[in-house]
PDB file of N, CA and C in Angstrom:
ATOM      1  N   MET A   1     135.355 -34.532  95.469  1.00  0.00           N
ATOM      2  CA  MET A   1     135.237 -33.077  95.655  1.00  0.00           C
ATOM      3  C   MET A   1     136.066 -32.739  97.035  1.00  0.00           C
ATOM      4  N   TYR A   2     135.927 -33.588  98.024  1.00  0.00           N
ATOM      5  CA  TYR A   2     136.580 -33.198  99.276  1.00  0.00           C
ATOM      6  C   TYR A   2     138.009 -33.629  99.409  1.00  0.00           C
ATOM      7  N   LEU A   3     138.325 -34.870  98.834  1.00  0.00           N
ATOM      8  CA  LEU A   3     139.676 -35.269  98.952  1.00  0.00           C
ATOM      9  C   LEU A   3     140.723 -34.485  98.132  1.00  0.00           C
ATOM     10  N   SER A   4     140.319 -33.791  97.166  1.00  0.00           N
ATOM     11  CA  SER A   4     141.074 -32.992  96.313  1.00  0.00           C
ATOM     12  C   SER A   4     141.773 -31.899  97.106  1.00  0.00           C
ATOM     13  N   GLN A   5     141.106 -31.622  98.277  1.00  0.00           N
ATOM     14  CA  GLN A   5     141.661 -30.523  99.130  1.00  0.00           C
ATOM     15  C   GLN A   5     142.992 -30.882  99.806  1.00  0.00           C
ATOM     16  N   GLY A   6     143.301 -32.171  99.708  1.00  0.00           N
ATOM     17  CA  GLY A   6     144.618 -32.658 100.292  1.00  0.00           C
ATOM     18  C   GLY A   6     145.764 -32.060  99.522  1.00  0.00           C
ATOM     19  N   VAL A   7     145.662 -31.754  98.209  1.00  0.00           N
ATOM     20  CA  VAL A   7     146.558 -30.964  97.530  1.00  0.00           C
ATOM     21  C   VAL A   7     146.333 -29.520  97.753  1.00  0.00           C
ATOM     22  N   TYR A   8     147.263 -28.865  98.615  1.00  0.00           N
ATOM     23  CA  TYR A   8     147.014 -27.626  99.130  1.00  0.00           C
ATOM     24  C   TYR A   8     146.693 -26.552  97.988  1.00  0.00           C
ATOM     25  N   LEU A   9     145.728 -25.820  98.075  1.00  0.00           N
ATOM     26  CA  LEU A   9     145.258 -24.694  97.293  1.00  0.00           C
ATOM     27  C   LEU A   9     145.045 -25.192  95.841  1.00  0.00           C
ATOM     28  N   ILE A  10     145.690 -26.054  95.166  1.00  0.00           N
ATOM     29  CA  ILE A  10     145.312 -26.347  93.852  1.00  0.00           C
ATOM     30  C   ILE A  10     144.059 -27.206  93.745  1.00  0.00           C
ATOM     31  N   GLY A  11     144.007 -28.151  94.627  1.00  0.00           N
ATOM     32  CA  GLY A  11     142.726 -29.013  94.721  1.00  0.00           C
ATOM     33  C   GLY A  11     141.625 -28.276  95.282  1.00  0.00           C
ATOM     34  N   LEU A  12     141.889 -27.325  96.088  1.00  0.00           N
ATOM     35  CA  LEU A  12     140.805 -26.425  96.687  1.00  0.00           C
ATOM     36  C   LEU A  12     140.288 -25.471  95.590  1.00  0.00           C
ATOM     37  N   LEU A  13     141.133 -24.779  94.842  1.00  0.00           N
ATOM     38  CA  LEU A  13     140.672 -23.851  93.908  1.00  0.00           C
ATOM     39  C   LEU A  13     140.157 -24.386  92.595  1.00  0.00           C
ATOM     40  N   PHE A  14     140.850 -25.514  92.093  1.00  0.00           N
ATOM     41  CA  PHE A  14     140.493 -25.946  90.799  1.00  0.00           C
ATOM     42  C   PHE A  14     139.529 -27.144  90.821  1.00  0.00           C
ATOM     43  N   VAL A  15     139.360 -27.830  91.906  1.00  0.00           N
ATOM     44  CA  VAL A  15     138.434 -28.881  91.943  1.00  0.00           C
ATOM     45  C   VAL A  15     137.274 -28.691  92.913  1.00  0.00           C
ATOM     46  N   SER A  16     137.587 -28.442  94.125  1.00  0.00           N
ATOM     47  CA  SER A  16     136.494 -28.469  95.140  1.00  0.00           C
ATOM     48  C   SER A  16     135.675 -27.218  95.088  1.00  0.00           C
ATOM     49  N   LEU A  17     136.075 -26.094  94.750  1.00  0.00           N
ATOM     50  CA  LEU A  17     135.333 -24.828  94.658  1.00  0.00           C
ATOM     51  C   LEU A  17     134.368 -24.968  93.425  1.00  0.00           C
ATOM     52  N   PRO A  18     134.914 -25.274  92.150  1.00  0.00           N
ATOM     53  CA  PRO A  18     133.921 -25.274  90.961  1.00  0.00           C
ATOM     54  C   PRO A  18     133.028 -26.518  91.178  1.00  0.00           C
ATOM     55  N   ALA A  19     133.561 -27.679  91.626  1.00  0.00           N
ATOM     56  CA  ALA A  19     132.682 -28.816  91.651  1.00  0.00           C
ATOM     57  C   ALA A  19     131.508 -28.599  92.741  1.00  0.00           C
ATOM     58  N   GLY A  20     131.892 -27.978  93.852  1.00  0.00           N
ATOM     59  CA  GLY A  20     130.889 -27.675  94.895  1.00  0.00           C
ATOM     60  C   GLY A  20     129.832 -26.756  94.365  1.00  0.00           C
ATOM     61  N   ALA A  21     130.303 -25.727  93.635  1.00  0.00           N
ATOM     62  CA  ALA A  21     129.299 -24.758  93.125  1.00  0.00           C
ATOM     63  C   ALA A  21     128.342 -25.421  92.184  1.00  0.00           C
ATOM     64  N   VAL A  22     128.876 -26.261  91.269  1.00  0.00           N
ATOM     65  CA  VAL A  22     127.973 -27.007  90.306  1.00  0.00           C
ATOM     66  C   VAL A  22     127.020 -27.983  91.084  1.00  0.00           C
ATOM     67  N   PHE A  23     127.520 -28.632  92.028  1.00  0.00           N
ATOM     68  CA  PHE A  23     126.780 -29.688  92.835  1.00  0.00           C
ATOM     69  C   PHE A  23     125.567 -28.961  93.571  1.00  0.00           C
ATOM     70  N   PHE A  24     125.982 -27.741  94.223  1.00  0.00           N
ATOM     71  CA  PHE A  24     124.986 -27.223  95.016  1.00  0.00           C
ATOM     72  C   PHE A  24     123.949 -26.460  94.196  1.00  0.00           C
ATOM     73  N   PHE A  25     124.290 -26.047  93.020  1.00  0.00           N
ATOM     74  CA  PHE A  25     123.356 -25.478  92.143  1.00  0.00           C
ATOM     75  C   PHE A  25     122.234 -26.489  91.693  1.00  0.00           C
ATOM     76  N   PHE A  26     122.765 -27.682  91.393  1.00  0.00           N
ATOM     77  CA  PHE A  26     121.760 -28.753  90.906  1.00  0.00           C
ATOM     78  C   PHE A  26     120.970 -29.266  92.194  1.00  0.00           C
ATOM     79  N   SER A  27     121.645 -29.342  93.298  1.00  0.00           N
ATOM     80  CA  SER A  27     121.120 -29.776  94.555  1.00  0.00           C
ATOM     81  C   SER A  27     119.996 -28.783  94.907  1.00  0.00           C
ATOM     82  N   TRP A  28     120.237 -27.527  94.929  1.00  0.00           N
ATOM     83  CA  TRP A  28     119.130 -26.491  95.275  1.00  0.00           C
ATOM     84  C   TRP A  28     118.002 -26.467  94.293  1.00  0.00           C
ATOM     85  N   ALA A  29     118.412 -26.759  93.017  1.00  0.00           N
ATOM     86  CA  ALA A  29     117.296 -26.827  91.901  1.00  0.00           C
ATOM     87  C   ALA A  29     116.383 -28.084  92.214  1.00  0.00           C
ATOM     88  N   THR A  30     116.993 -29.247  92.551  1.00  0.00           N
ATOM     89  CA  THR A  30     116.167 -30.360  92.897  1.00  0.00           C
ATOM     90  C   THR A  30     115.424 -30.125  94.087  1.00  0.00           C
ATOM     91  N   THR A  31     115.943 -29.502  95.117  1.00  0.00           N
ATOM     92  CA  THR A  31     115.157 -29.154  96.293  1.00  0.00           C
ATOM     93  C   THR A  31     113.943 -28.229  95.989  1.00  0.00           C
ATOM     94  N   LEU A  32     114.141 -27.282  95.136  1.00  0.00           N
ATOM     95  CA  LEU A  32     113.058 -26.411  94.635  1.00  0.00           C
ATOM     96  C   LEU A  32     111.937 -27.235  93.860  1.00  0.00           C
ATOM     97  N   VAL A  33     112.397 -28.106  93.032  1.00  0.00           N
ATOM     98  CA  VAL A  33     111.403 -28.879  92.331  1.00  0.00           C
ATOM     99  C   VAL A  33     110.648 -29.843  93.290  1.00  0.00           C
ATOM    100  N   GLN A  34     111.375 -30.331  94.310  1.00  0.00           N
ATOM    101  CA  GLN A  34     110.490 -31.140  95.330  1.00  0.00           C
ATOM    102  C   GLN A  34     109.607 -30.290  96.178  1.00  0.00           C
ATOM    103  N   LEU A  35     109.939 -28.923  96.374  1.00  0.00           N
ATOM    104  CA  LEU A  35     108.991 -28.094  97.067  1.00  0.00           C
ATOM    105  C   LEU A  35     107.799 -27.841  96.201  1.00  0.00           C
ATOM    106  N   ILE A  36     107.992 -27.653  94.908  1.00  0.00           N
ATOM    107  CA  ILE A  36     106.818 -27.464  93.971  1.00  0.00           C
ATOM    108  C   ILE A  36     106.041 -28.724  93.973  1.00  0.00           C
ATOM    109  N   GLY A  37     106.622 -29.971  94.012  1.00  0.00           N
ATOM    110  CA  GLY A  37     105.916 -31.196  94.120  1.00  0.00           C
ATOM    111  C   GLY A  37     104.984 -31.351  95.398  1.00  0.00           C
ATOM    112  N   THR A  38     105.455 -30.680  96.423  1.00  0.00           N
ATOM    113  CA  THR A  38     104.609 -30.793  97.660  1.00  0.00           C
ATOM    114  C   THR A  38     103.357 -29.906  97.418  1.00  0.00           C
ATOM    115  N   ARG A  39     103.402 -28.959  96.597  1.00  0.00           N
ATOM    116  CA  ARG A  39     102.141 -28.178  96.349  1.00  0.00           C
ATOM    117  C   ARG A  39     101.238 -28.948  95.430  1.00  0.00           C
ATOM    118  N   GLY A  40     101.782 -29.945  94.704  1.00  0.00           N
ATOM    119  CA  GLY A  40     100.891 -30.744  93.850  1.00  0.00           C
ATOM    120  C   GLY A  40     100.501 -32.031  94.598  1.00  0.00           C
ATOM    121  N   GLY A  41     100.822 -32.259  95.909  1.00  0.00           N
ATOM    122  CA  GLY A  41     100.233 -33.321  96.586  1.00  0.00           C
ATOM    123  C   GLY A  41     101.351 -34.437  96.776  1.00  0.00           C
ATOM    124  N   GLU A  42     102.492 -34.260  96.416  1.00  0.00           N
ATOM    125  CA  GLU A  42     103.532 -35.297  96.485  1.00  0.00           C
ATOM    126  C   GLU A  42     104.257 -35.013  97.856  1.00  0.00           C
ATOM    127  N   GLY A  43     103.726 -35.592  98.862  1.00  0.00           N
ATOM    128  CA  GLY A  43     104.313 -35.386 100.205  1.00  0.00           C
ATOM    129  C   GLY A  43     103.838 -34.189 100.888  1.00  0.00           C
ATOM    130  N   SER A  44     104.311 -33.996 102.057  1.00  0.00           N
ATOM    131  CA  SER A  44     103.920 -32.807 102.847  1.00  0.00           C
ATOM    132  C   SER A  44     105.118 -31.818 102.886  1.00  0.00           C
ATOM    133  N   PHE A  45     104.738 -30.575 103.201  1.00  0.00           N
ATOM    134  CA  PHE A  45     105.667 -29.451 103.342  1.00  0.00           C
ATOM    135  C   PHE A  45     106.611 -29.834 104.561  1.00  0.00           C
ATOM    136  N   GLU A  46     106.190 -30.300 105.706  1.00  0.00           N
ATOM    137  CA  GLU A  46     106.824 -30.532 106.873  1.00  0.00           C
ATOM    138  C   GLU A  46     107.931 -31.692 106.511  1.00  0.00           C
ATOM    139  N   ALA A  47     107.508 -32.695 105.815  1.00  0.00           N
ATOM    140  CA  ALA A  47     108.408 -33.825 105.451  1.00  0.00           C
ATOM    141  C   ALA A  47     109.596 -33.276 104.550  1.00  0.00           C
ATOM    142  N   TRP A  48     109.260 -32.345 103.681  1.00  0.00           N
ATOM    143  CA  TRP A  48     110.224 -31.659 102.741  1.00  0.00           C
ATOM    144  C   TRP A  48     111.120 -30.944 103.522  1.00  0.00           C
ATOM    145  N   LEU A  49     110.643 -30.090 104.508  1.00  0.00           N
ATOM    146  CA  LEU A  49     111.449 -29.270 105.211  1.00  0.00           C
ATOM    147  C   LEU A  49     112.387 -29.997 106.115  1.00  0.00           C
ATOM    148  N   GLU A  50     112.003 -31.099 106.709  1.00  0.00           N
ATOM    149  CA  GLU A  50     112.882 -31.960 107.616  1.00  0.00           C
ATOM    150  C   GLU A  50     113.782 -32.728 106.791  1.00  0.00           C
ATOM    151  N   GLY A  51     113.480 -33.157 105.629  1.00  0.00           N
ATOM    152  CA  GLY A  51     114.365 -33.998 104.803  1.00  0.00           C
ATOM    153  C   GLY A  51     115.239 -33.230 103.768  1.00  0.00           C
ATOM    154  N   PRO A  52     114.840 -33.119 102.572  1.00  0.00           N
ATOM    155  CA  PRO A  52     115.667 -32.657 101.561  1.00  0.00           C
ATOM    156  C   PRO A  52     115.996 -31.151 101.813  1.00  0.00           C
ATOM    157  N   ALA A  53     115.075 -30.402 102.252  1.00  0.00           N
ATOM    158  CA  ALA A  53     115.362 -28.923 102.462  1.00  0.00           C
ATOM    159  C   ALA A  53     116.545 -28.626 103.505  1.00  0.00           C
ATOM    160  N   PHE A  54     116.394 -29.346 104.659  1.00  0.00           N
ATOM    161  CA  PHE A  54     117.429 -29.066 105.671  1.00  0.00           C
ATOM    162  C   PHE A  54     118.679 -29.653 105.244  1.00  0.00           C
ATOM    163  N   SER A  55     118.796 -30.861 104.662  1.00  0.00           N
ATOM    164  CA  SER A  55     119.945 -31.451 104.120  1.00  0.00           C
ATOM    165  C   SER A  55     120.608 -30.616 103.013  1.00  0.00           C
ATOM    166  N   ASN A  56     119.917 -30.311 102.019  1.00  0.00           N
ATOM    167  CA  ASN A  56     120.471 -29.617 100.875  1.00  0.00           C
ATOM    168  C   ASN A  56     120.642 -28.115 100.988  1.00  0.00           C
ATOM    169  N   LEU A  57     119.944 -27.499 101.915  1.00  0.00           N
ATOM    170  CA  LEU A  57     119.992 -25.995 102.050  1.00  0.00           C
ATOM    171  C   LEU A  57     120.876 -25.669 103.163  1.00  0.00           C
ATOM    172  N   VAL A  58     120.976 -26.531 104.250  1.00  0.00           N
ATOM    173  CA  VAL A  58     121.688 -26.183 105.461  1.00  0.00           C
ATOM    174  C   VAL A  58     122.913 -26.995 105.778  1.00  0.00           C
ATOM    175  N   VAL A  59     122.624 -28.286 105.834  1.00  0.00           N
ATOM    176  CA  VAL A  59     123.828 -29.239 106.331  1.00  0.00           C
ATOM    177  C   VAL A  59     124.869 -29.269 105.252  1.00  0.00           C
ATOM    178  N   GLN A  60     124.572 -29.688 104.058  1.00  0.00           N
ATOM    179  CA  GLN A  60     125.581 -29.902 102.999  1.00  0.00           C
ATOM    180  C   GLN A  60     126.314 -28.634 102.685  1.00  0.00           C
ATOM    181  N   PRO A  61     125.716 -27.430 102.582  1.00  0.00           N
ATOM    182  CA  PRO A  61     126.551 -26.223 102.361  1.00  0.00           C
ATOM    183  C   PRO A  61     127.417 -25.938 103.529  1.00  0.00           C
ATOM    184  N   PHE A  62     127.064 -26.270 104.853  1.00  0.00           N
ATOM    185  CA  PHE A  62     127.853 -26.057 105.970  1.00  0.00           C
ATOM    186  C   PHE A  62     129.072 -26.944 106.010  1.00  0.00           C
ATOM    187  N   ILE A  63     128.880 -28.230 105.571  1.00  0.00           N
ATOM    188  CA  ILE A  63     129.958 -29.240 105.560  1.00  0.00           C
ATOM    189  C   ILE A  63     130.936 -28.680 104.473  1.00  0.00           C
ATOM    190  N   TRP A  64     130.468 -28.230 103.287  1.00  0.00           N
ATOM    191  CA  TRP A  64     131.392 -27.811 102.206  1.00  0.00           C
ATOM    192  C   TRP A  64     132.091 -26.581 102.659  1.00  0.00           C
ATOM    193  N   LEU A  65     131.394 -25.594 103.158  1.00  0.00           N
ATOM    194  CA  LEU A  65     132.202 -24.325 103.518  1.00  0.00           C
ATOM    195  C   LEU A  65     133.160 -24.573 104.685  1.00  0.00           C
ATOM    196  N   ALA A  66     132.744 -25.389 105.607  1.00  0.00           N
ATOM    197  CA  ALA A  66     133.718 -25.697 106.771  1.00  0.00           C
ATOM    198  C   ALA A  66     134.933 -26.477 106.182  1.00  0.00           C
ATOM    199  N   SER A  67     134.755 -27.293 105.219  1.00  0.00           N
ATOM    200  CA  SER A  67     135.880 -28.018 104.645  1.00  0.00           C
ATOM    201  C   SER A  67     136.677 -27.075 103.935  1.00  0.00           C
ATOM    202  N   LEU A  68     136.100 -26.157 103.203  1.00  0.00           N
ATOM    203  CA  LEU A  68     136.918 -25.080 102.431  1.00  0.00           C
ATOM    204  C   LEU A  68     137.743 -24.322 103.363  1.00  0.00           C
ATOM    205  N   VAL A  69     137.176 -23.770 104.509  1.00  0.00           N
ATOM    206  CA  VAL A  69     138.003 -23.098 105.462  1.00  0.00           C
ATOM    207  C   VAL A  69     139.151 -23.829 106.046  1.00  0.00           C
ATOM    208  N   LEU A  70     138.859 -25.012 106.479  1.00  0.00           N
ATOM    209  CA  LEU A  70     139.894 -25.919 107.098  1.00  0.00           C
ATOM    210  C   LEU A  70     140.888 -26.368 106.085  1.00  0.00           C
ATOM    211  N   GLY A  71     140.452 -26.393 104.830  1.00  0.00           N
ATOM    212  CA  GLY A  71     141.363 -26.649 103.755  1.00  0.00           C
ATOM    213  C   GLY A  71     142.394 -25.619 103.461  1.00  0.00           C
ATOM    214  N   LEU A  72     142.182 -24.445 103.890  1.00  0.00           N
ATOM    215  CA  LEU A  72     143.240 -23.447 103.796  1.00  0.00           C
ATOM    216  C   LEU A  72     144.393 -23.483 104.724  1.00  0.00           C
ATOM    217  N   ILE A  73     144.223 -24.371 105.739  1.00  0.00           N
ATOM    218  CA  ILE A  73     145.273 -24.521 106.782  1.00  0.00           C
ATOM    219  C   ILE A  73     146.235 -25.721 106.394  1.00  0.00           C
ATOM    220  N   PRO A  74     147.514 -25.347 106.077  1.00  0.00           N
ATOM    221  CA  PRO A  74     148.407 -26.450 105.626  1.00  0.00           C
ATOM    222  C   PRO A  74     148.457 -27.429 106.826  1.00  0.00           C
ATOM    223  N   GLY A  75     148.473 -28.733 106.526  1.00  0.00           N
ATOM    224  CA  GLY A  75     148.544 -29.817 107.536  1.00  0.00           C
ATOM    225  C   GLY A  75     147.258 -30.259 108.028  1.00  0.00           C
ATOM    226  N   ILE A  76     146.403 -29.373 108.223  1.00  0.00           N
ATOM    227  CA  ILE A  76     145.027 -29.733 108.697  1.00  0.00           C
ATOM    228  C   ILE A  76     144.120 -30.099 107.500  1.00  0.00           C
ATOM    229  N   ASN A  77     144.554 -29.582 106.368  1.00  0.00           N
ATOM    230  CA  ASN A  77     143.779 -29.908 105.149  1.00  0.00           C
ATOM    231  C   ASN A  77     143.740 -31.411 104.856  1.00  0.00           C
ATOM    232  N   PHE A  78     144.732 -32.222 105.183  1.00  0.00           N
ATOM    233  CA  PHE A  78     144.762 -33.589 104.865  1.00  0.00           C
ATOM    234  C   PHE A  78     143.654 -34.381 105.653  1.00  0.00           C
ATOM    235  N   ILE A  79     143.637 -34.144 106.998  1.00  0.00           N
ATOM    236  CA  ILE A  79     142.601 -34.788 107.831  1.00  0.00           C
ATOM    237  C   ILE A  79     141.254 -34.291 107.590  1.00  0.00           C
ATOM    238  N   SER A  80     141.084 -32.894 107.371  1.00  0.00           N
ATOM    239  CA  SER A  80     139.848 -32.392 107.273  1.00  0.00           C
ATOM    240  C   SER A  80     139.167 -32.772 105.924  1.00  0.00           C
ATOM    241  N   ALA A  81     139.996 -32.912 104.877  1.00  0.00           N
ATOM    242  CA  ALA A  81     139.388 -33.277 103.610  1.00  0.00           C
ATOM    243  C   ALA A  81     138.805 -34.690 103.755  1.00  0.00           C
ATOM    244  N   PHE A  82     139.429 -35.548 104.414  1.00  0.00           N
ATOM    245  CA  PHE A  82     138.933 -36.933 104.593  1.00  0.00           C
ATOM    246  C   PHE A  82     137.615 -36.936 105.501  1.00  0.00           C
ATOM    247  N   LEU A  83     137.808 -36.218 106.696  1.00  0.00           N
ATOM    248  CA  LEU A  83     136.674 -36.238 107.640  1.00  0.00           C
ATOM    249  C   LEU A  83     135.417 -35.645 107.019  1.00  0.00           C
ATOM    250  N   PHE A  84     135.614 -34.491 106.411  1.00  0.00           N
ATOM    251  CA  PHE A  84     134.344 -33.697 105.884  1.00  0.00           C
ATOM    252  C   PHE A  84     133.731 -34.473 104.653  1.00  0.00           C
ATOM    253  N   GLY A  85     134.674 -35.113 103.875  1.00  0.00           N
ATOM    254  CA  GLY A  85     134.128 -35.901 102.793  1.00  0.00           C
ATOM    255  C   GLY A  85     133.284 -37.156 103.262  1.00  0.00           C
ATOM    256  N   TRP A  86     133.791 -37.781 104.378  1.00  0.00           N
ATOM    257  CA  TRP A  86     133.153 -38.767 104.926  1.00  0.00           C
ATOM    258  C   TRP A  86     131.791 -38.344 105.560  1.00  0.00           C
ATOM    259  N   TRP A  87     131.817 -37.194 106.264  1.00  0.00           N
ATOM    260  CA  TRP A  87     130.572 -36.685 106.733  1.00  0.00           C
ATOM    261  C   TRP A  87     129.582 -36.287 105.620  1.00  0.00           C
ATOM    262  N   ALA A  88     130.026 -35.797 104.567  1.00  0.00           N
ATOM    263  CA  ALA A  88     129.244 -35.398 103.362  1.00  0.00           C
ATOM    264  C   ALA A  88     128.511 -36.644 102.854  1.00  0.00           C
ATOM    265  N   ASN A  89     129.214 -37.750 102.748  1.00  0.00           N
ATOM    266  CA  ASN A  89     128.720 -38.982 102.237  1.00  0.00           C
ATOM    267  C   ASN A  89     127.646 -39.508 103.239  1.00  0.00           C
ATOM    268  N   LEU A  90     127.969 -39.468 104.535  1.00  0.00           N
ATOM    269  CA  LEU A  90     127.054 -39.948 105.579  1.00  0.00           C
ATOM    270  C   LEU A  90     125.719 -39.177 105.450  1.00  0.00           C
ATOM    271  N   GLU A  91     125.792 -37.803 105.280  1.00  0.00           N
ATOM    272  CA  GLU A  91     124.533 -36.960 105.239  1.00  0.00           C
ATOM    273  C   GLU A  91     123.848 -37.191 103.934  1.00  0.00           C
ATOM    274  N   TYR A  92     124.565 -37.361 102.735  1.00  0.00           N
ATOM    275  CA  TYR A  92     123.944 -37.581 101.483  1.00  0.00           C
ATOM    276  C   TYR A  92     123.104 -38.874 101.525  1.00  0.00           C
ATOM    277  N   TYR A  93     123.601 -39.912 102.172  1.00  0.00           N
ATOM    278  CA  TYR A  93     122.812 -41.202 102.156  1.00  0.00           C
ATOM    279  C   TYR A  93     122.008 -41.344 103.396  1.00  0.00           C
ATOM    280  N   GLY A  94     121.728 -40.180 104.166  1.00  0.00           N
ATOM    281  CA  GLY A  94     120.814 -40.433 105.193  1.00  0.00           C
ATOM    282  C   GLY A  94     121.462 -41.183 106.439  1.00  0.00           C
ATOM    283  N   TYR A  95     122.774 -40.980 106.528  1.00  0.00           N
ATOM    284  CA  TYR A  95     123.503 -41.710 107.537  1.00  0.00           C
ATOM    285  C   TYR A  95     123.450 -43.191 107.522  1.00  0.00           C
ATOM    286  N   ASN A  96     123.080 -43.678 106.306  1.00  0.00           N
ATOM    287  CA  ASN A  96     123.138 -45.122 105.980  1.00  0.00           C
ATOM    288  C   ASN A  96     124.295 -45.376 105.070  1.00  0.00           C
ATOM    289  N   TYR A  97     125.548 -45.176 105.582  1.00  0.00           N
ATOM    290  CA  TYR A  97     126.717 -45.244 104.921  1.00  0.00           C
ATOM    291  C   TYR A  97     127.781 -45.840 105.717  1.00  0.00           C
ATOM    292  N   GLU A  98     128.580 -46.796 105.179  1.00  0.00           N
ATOM    293  CA  GLU A  98     129.598 -47.447 105.991  1.00  0.00           C
ATOM    294  C   GLU A  98     130.933 -47.150 105.244  1.00  0.00           C
ATOM    295  N   LEU A  99     131.950 -46.643 105.970  1.00  0.00           N
ATOM    296  CA  LEU A  99     133.227 -46.269 105.370  1.00  0.00           C
ATOM    297  C   LEU A  99     133.925 -47.529 104.718  1.00  0.00           C
ATOM    298  N   PHE A 100     134.378 -47.227 103.463  1.00  0.00           N
ATOM    299  CA  PHE A 100     135.015 -48.294 102.622  1.00  0.00           C
ATOM    300  C   PHE A 100     134.102 -49.410 102.153  1.00  0.00           C
ATOM    301  N   ALA A 101     132.783 -49.311 102.539  1.00  0.00           N
ATOM    302  CA  ALA A 101     131.774 -50.326 102.042  1.00  0.00           C
ATOM    303  C   ALA A 101     130.761 -49.662 101.122  1.00  0.00           C
ATOM    304  N   GLY A 102     130.515 -48.359 101.427  1.00  0.00           N
ATOM    305  CA  GLY A 102     129.569 -47.716 100.691  1.00  0.00           C
ATOM    306  C   GLY A 102     128.263 -47.553 101.353  1.00  0.00           C
ATOM    307  N   PRO A 103     127.263 -47.218 100.545  1.00  0.00           N
ATOM    308  CA  PRO A 103     125.863 -47.052 101.140  1.00  0.00           C
ATOM    309  C   PRO A 103     125.260 -48.483 101.587  1.00  0.00           C
ATOM    310  N   THR A 104     124.679 -48.401 102.719  1.00  0.00           N
ATOM    311  CA  THR A 104     124.035 -49.526 103.235  1.00  0.00           C
ATOM    312  C   THR A 104     122.505 -49.366 103.300  1.00  0.00           C
ATOM    313  N   PRO A 105     121.641 -50.398 103.133  1.00  0.00           N
ATOM    314  CA  PRO A 105     120.203 -50.239 103.193  1.00  0.00           C
ATOM    315  C   PRO A 105     119.768 -49.903 104.640  1.00  0.00           C
ATOM    316  N   PRO A 106     118.854 -49.166 104.844  1.00  0.00           N
ATOM    317  CA  PRO A 106     118.386 -48.920 106.314  1.00  0.00           C
ATOM    318  C   PRO A 106     117.817 -50.150 106.799  1.00  0.00           C
ATOM    319  N   GLU A 107     118.124 -50.374 108.123  1.00  0.00           N
ATOM    320  CA  GLU A 107     117.626 -51.474 108.882  1.00  0.00           C
ATOM    321  C   GLU A 107     116.165 -51.338 109.159  1.00  0.00           C
ATOM    322  N   ALA A 108     115.412 -52.426 109.090  1.00  0.00           N
ATOM    323  CA  ALA A 108     114.018 -52.451 109.355  1.00  0.00           C
ATOM    324  C   ALA A 108     113.839 -52.301 110.851  1.00  0.00           C
ATOM    325  N   GLU A 109     112.866 -51.515 111.196  1.00  0.00           N
ATOM    326  CA  GLU A 109     112.629 -51.302 112.640  1.00  0.00           C
ATOM    327  C   GLU A 109     111.415 -52.043 113.067  1.00  0.00           C
TER     328      GLU A 109
END
């Protein structure tokens, strides 16, 4: 979704914009289902607010919108597509992600 912005305007308009809209629709729907689950005793509202709600409703949309804006600038779009895509993967996996290796299990404390 993010690396397609390296192809100026075509990747932005035909891949990143529609794919992001679909992704965030399902992400927000999942977040809402998890909120309803907190009412049924599956976790607490505070844990939901700190975890999936903050990630899916605040951070991920910010990353996506910032990458869309920087994707409009020729030349900057190459590096911003890679960096924002990497940041989005880090956020999605709870910052347990290693570049070119994929998700890593959280270390025991």
